[in-house]
Amino acid sequence: MVDFPNEKGPMYLWENVAAVEGTVEVLEKLSKEANCPVATNANDSNKVHIQKALERVGLNKYIKKMYCYRSVGYETRKALRMV
């Protein structure tokens, strides 16, 4: 997802929401052979909010599992150091 710095709050409520160029094509191919999760540091969003943002750009059908700051309790870079 493209992070528009002028937008605030949960991404699904932003006026402008966009997938990074090429993401749909890559996920379409990958999801046929692998599970494609999302890990995000989005502090303003919970899993439902993230799902709604993904729906707005057509990515939700490729993502089966989500890990977000609010549900895990760690920022992704801190969680990766723990692994």
N, C-alpha and C. Protein backbone atom coordinates (compact mmCIF):
# COMPACT_ATOMS: atom_id res chain seq x y z
N MET A 1 0.84 -1.17 0.00
CA MET A 1 0.00 0.00 0.00
C MET A 1 0.89 1.24 0.00
N VAL A 2 0.41 2.25 -0.71
CA VAL A 2 1.14 3.51 -0.77
C VAL A 2 0.79 4.33 0.47
N ASP A 3 1.81 4.83 1.15
CA ASP A 3 1.61 5.65 2.33
C ASP A 3 1.61 7.13 1.91
N PHE A 4 0.43 7.73 1.92
CA PHE A 4 0.31 9.15 1.60
C PHE A 4 0.51 9.95 2.88
N PRO A 5 1.62 10.68 3.01
CA PRO A 5 1.97 11.34 4.27
C PRO A 5 0.97 12.38 4.75
N ASN A 6 0.17 12.93 3.87
CA ASN A 6 -0.82 13.94 4.29
C ASN A 6 -2.09 13.32 4.86
N GLU A 7 -2.27 12.04 4.66
CA GLU A 7 -3.47 11.35 5.16
C GLU A 7 -3.23 10.92 6.60
N LYS A 8 -4.26 10.98 7.41
CA LYS A 8 -4.16 10.60 8.83
C LYS A 8 -5.28 9.63 9.19
N GLY A 9 -5.06 8.86 10.24
CA GLY A 9 -6.06 7.91 10.70
C GLY A 9 -5.98 6.60 9.96
N PRO A 10 -6.96 5.70 10.19
CA PRO A 10 -6.96 4.40 9.52
C PRO A 10 -7.01 4.56 7.99
N MET A 11 -6.19 3.80 7.29
CA MET A 11 -6.06 3.92 5.84
C MET A 11 -7.37 3.72 5.11
N TYR A 12 -8.23 2.83 5.59
CA TYR A 12 -9.47 2.58 4.86
C TYR A 12 -10.37 3.82 4.80
N LEU A 13 -10.13 4.80 5.65
CA LEU A 13 -10.90 6.04 5.64
C LEU A 13 -10.26 7.15 4.81
N TRP A 14 -9.04 6.93 4.35
CA TRP A 14 -8.35 7.95 3.57
C TRP A 14 -9.10 8.24 2.27
N GLU A 15 -9.00 9.47 1.83
CA GLU A 15 -9.60 9.83 0.54
C GLU A 15 -8.89 9.10 -0.60
N ASN A 16 -7.56 9.05 -0.54
CA ASN A 16 -6.77 8.37 -1.57
C ASN A 16 -6.15 7.12 -0.99
N VAL A 17 -6.39 5.98 -1.64
CA VAL A 17 -5.80 4.71 -1.25
C VAL A 17 -5.30 4.05 -2.53
N ALA A 18 -4.07 3.54 -2.49
CA ALA A 18 -3.51 2.91 -3.69
C ALA A 18 -2.57 1.78 -3.30
N ALA A 19 -2.55 0.76 -4.15
CA ALA A 19 -1.58 -0.32 -4.00
C ALA A 19 -0.30 0.12 -4.70
N VAL A 20 0.82 -0.35 -4.20
CA VAL A 20 2.10 -0.10 -4.86
C VAL A 20 2.03 -0.73 -6.25
N GLU A 21 2.57 -0.03 -7.24
CA GLU A 21 2.51 -0.50 -8.62
C GLU A 21 3.07 -1.92 -8.74
N GLY A 22 2.33 -2.79 -9.40
CA GLY A 22 2.74 -4.17 -9.63
C GLY A 22 2.32 -5.15 -8.56
N THR A 23 1.78 -4.67 -7.46
CA THR A 23 1.42 -5.55 -6.34
C THR A 23 0.34 -6.56 -6.71
N VAL A 24 -0.69 -6.12 -7.41
CA VAL A 24 -1.78 -7.03 -7.79
C VAL A 24 -1.23 -8.18 -8.63
N GLU A 25 -0.41 -7.86 -9.61
CA GLU A 25 0.14 -8.89 -10.49
C GLU A 25 1.03 -9.88 -9.74
N VAL A 26 1.85 -9.38 -8.85
CA VAL A 26 2.74 -10.25 -8.07
C VAL A 26 1.93 -11.15 -7.14
N LEU A 27 0.99 -10.57 -6.40
CA LEU A 27 0.18 -11.37 -5.47
C LEU A 27 -0.69 -12.37 -6.20
N GLU A 28 -1.17 -12.01 -7.37
CA GLU A 28 -1.98 -12.94 -8.16
C GLU A 28 -1.19 -14.21 -8.47
N LYS A 29 0.07 -14.05 -8.85
CA LYS A 29 0.92 -15.22 -9.16
C LYS A 29 1.34 -15.96 -7.89
N LEU A 30 1.83 -15.23 -6.90
CA LEU A 30 2.31 -15.86 -5.67
C LEU A 30 1.21 -16.62 -4.92
N SER A 31 0.02 -16.03 -4.86
CA SER A 31 -1.05 -16.63 -4.06
C SER A 31 -1.53 -17.97 -4.61
N LYS A 32 -1.18 -18.29 -5.85
CA LYS A 32 -1.54 -19.59 -6.42
C LYS A 32 -0.69 -20.72 -5.84
N GLU A 33 0.50 -20.36 -5.33
CA GLU A 33 1.42 -21.38 -4.83
C GLU A 33 1.81 -21.21 -3.37
N ALA A 34 1.45 -20.06 -2.78
CA ALA A 34 1.87 -19.81 -1.40
C ALA A 34 0.83 -18.96 -0.67
N ASN A 35 0.85 -19.05 0.65
CA ASN A 35 0.04 -18.15 1.46
C ASN A 35 0.76 -16.82 1.52
N CYS A 36 0.03 -15.74 1.36
CA CYS A 36 0.63 -14.40 1.35
C CYS A 36 0.09 -13.58 2.52
N PRO A 37 0.83 -13.54 3.62
CA PRO A 37 0.39 -12.74 4.77
C PRO A 37 0.82 -11.28 4.64
N VAL A 38 0.28 -10.45 5.51
CA VAL A 38 0.68 -9.04 5.61
C VAL A 38 1.12 -8.79 7.04
N ALA A 39 2.24 -8.09 7.19
CA ALA A 39 2.69 -7.61 8.50
C ALA A 39 2.84 -6.10 8.38
N THR A 40 2.23 -5.38 9.32
CA THR A 40 2.23 -3.92 9.23
C THR A 40 2.41 -3.27 10.59
N ASN A 41 2.99 -2.10 10.57
CA ASN A 41 3.13 -1.27 11.77
C ASN A 41 2.03 -0.23 11.87
N ALA A 42 0.99 -0.36 11.11
CA ALA A 42 -0.08 0.64 11.08
C ALA A 42 -0.70 0.80 12.47
N ASN A 43 -0.26 1.81 13.19
CA ASN A 43 -0.74 2.03 14.56
C ASN A 43 -2.19 2.49 14.62
N ASP A 44 -2.68 3.10 13.55
CA ASP A 44 -4.05 3.63 13.53
C ASP A 44 -5.08 2.58 13.15
N SER A 45 -4.65 1.37 12.79
CA SER A 45 -5.58 0.38 12.25
C SER A 45 -5.52 -0.95 12.98
N ASN A 46 -6.67 -1.60 13.07
CA ASN A 46 -6.74 -2.97 13.54
C ASN A 46 -6.93 -3.87 12.31
N LYS A 47 -7.09 -5.17 12.50
CA LYS A 47 -7.22 -6.09 11.37
C LYS A 47 -8.41 -5.77 10.47
N VAL A 48 -9.52 -5.39 11.05
CA VAL A 48 -10.72 -5.04 10.26
C VAL A 48 -10.44 -3.82 9.38
N HIS A 49 -9.79 -2.82 9.94
CA HIS A 49 -9.44 -1.62 9.17
C HIS A 49 -8.50 -1.96 8.02
N ILE A 50 -7.51 -2.79 8.29
CA ILE A 50 -6.54 -3.19 7.26
C ILE A 50 -7.25 -3.95 6.15
N GLN A 51 -8.12 -4.87 6.53
CA GLN A 51 -8.90 -5.64 5.54
C GLN A 51 -9.71 -4.69 4.65
N LYS A 52 -10.34 -3.69 5.23
CA LYS A 52 -11.13 -2.74 4.45
C LYS A 52 -10.26 -1.92 3.49
N ALA A 53 -9.06 -1.54 3.92
CA ALA A 53 -8.14 -0.82 3.04
C ALA A 53 -7.71 -1.71 1.88
N LEU A 54 -7.40 -2.97 2.17
CA LEU A 54 -7.01 -3.91 1.12
C LEU A 54 -8.15 -4.12 0.13
N GLU A 55 -9.38 -4.17 0.62
CA GLU A 55 -10.56 -4.32 -0.25
C GLU A 55 -10.67 -3.15 -1.23
N ARG A 56 -10.36 -1.97 -0.77
CA ARG A 56 -10.49 -0.78 -1.62
C ARG A 56 -9.60 -0.84 -2.85
N VAL A 57 -8.49 -1.57 -2.78
CA VAL A 57 -7.58 -1.65 -3.92
C VAL A 57 -7.52 -3.06 -4.53
N GLY A 58 -8.40 -3.94 -4.08
CA GLY A 58 -8.50 -5.27 -4.67
C GLY A 58 -7.43 -6.26 -4.23
N LEU A 59 -6.78 -6.02 -3.09
CA LEU A 59 -5.74 -6.94 -2.61
C LEU A 59 -6.26 -7.95 -1.60
N ASN A 60 -7.42 -7.73 -1.04
CA ASN A 60 -7.92 -8.58 0.04
C ASN A 60 -8.05 -10.04 -0.34
N LYS A 61 -8.34 -10.34 -1.58
CA LYS A 61 -8.55 -11.74 -1.98
C LYS A 61 -7.25 -12.54 -1.98
N TYR A 62 -6.11 -11.87 -1.94
CA TYR A 62 -4.81 -12.55 -1.95
C TYR A 62 -4.22 -12.74 -0.56
N ILE A 63 -4.74 -12.03 0.41
CA ILE A 63 -4.17 -12.03 1.76
C ILE A 63 -5.03 -12.89 2.69
N LYS A 64 -4.43 -13.93 3.23
CA LYS A 64 -5.16 -14.86 4.09
C LYS A 64 -4.92 -14.62 5.58
N LYS A 65 -3.83 -13.97 5.91
CA LYS A 65 -3.50 -13.76 7.31
C LYS A 65 -2.85 -12.39 7.47
N MET A 66 -3.16 -11.73 8.59
CA MET A 66 -2.61 -10.41 8.85
C MET A 66 -2.01 -10.35 10.24
N TYR A 67 -0.90 -9.66 10.33
CA TYR A 67 -0.25 -9.39 11.61
C TYR A 67 -0.11 -7.88 11.69
N CYS A 68 -0.72 -7.30 12.69
CA CYS A 68 -0.62 -5.85 12.83
C CYS A 68 -0.22 -5.49 14.26
N TYR A 69 0.27 -4.30 14.40
CA TYR A 69 0.75 -3.81 15.70
C TYR A 69 -0.30 -4.00 16.79
N ARG A 70 -1.55 -3.67 16.48
CA ARG A 70 -2.59 -3.75 17.51
C ARG A 70 -2.88 -5.18 17.95
N SER A 71 -2.76 -6.15 17.07
CA SER A 71 -3.07 -7.52 17.46
C SER A 71 -1.86 -8.26 18.03
N VAL A 72 -0.67 -7.91 17.57
CA VAL A 72 0.54 -8.59 18.02
C VAL A 72 1.16 -7.89 19.23
N GLY A 73 1.08 -6.56 19.24
CA GLY A 73 1.64 -5.80 20.34
C GLY A 73 3.09 -5.39 20.14
N TYR A 74 3.64 -5.69 18.98
CA TYR A 74 5.01 -5.33 18.64
C TYR A 74 5.06 -4.70 17.26
N GLU A 75 5.96 -3.74 17.08
CA GLU A 75 6.22 -3.25 15.73
C GLU A 75 6.93 -4.37 14.99
N THR A 76 6.74 -4.45 13.67
CA THR A 76 7.31 -5.56 12.91
C THR A 76 8.82 -5.66 13.07
N ARG A 77 9.54 -4.55 13.06
CA ARG A 77 11.00 -4.65 13.18
C ARG A 77 11.42 -5.18 14.55
N LYS A 78 10.67 -4.89 15.61
CA LYS A 78 10.99 -5.43 16.94
C LYS A 78 10.65 -6.91 16.99
N ALA A 79 9.53 -7.30 16.39
CA ALA A 79 9.13 -8.71 16.37
C ALA A 79 10.13 -9.55 15.60
N LEU A 80 10.65 -9.01 14.49
CA LEU A 80 11.63 -9.75 13.70
C LEU A 80 12.92 -9.98 14.49
N ARG A 81 13.30 -9.06 15.33
CA ARG A 81 14.50 -9.24 16.15
C ARG A 81 14.30 -10.34 17.19
N MET A 82 13.05 -10.59 17.56
CA MET A 82 12.76 -11.60 18.57
C MET A 82 12.81 -13.01 18.00
N VAL A 83 12.68 -13.13 16.69
CA VAL A 83 12.61 -14.45 16.04
C VAL A 83 13.96 -15.10 15.98
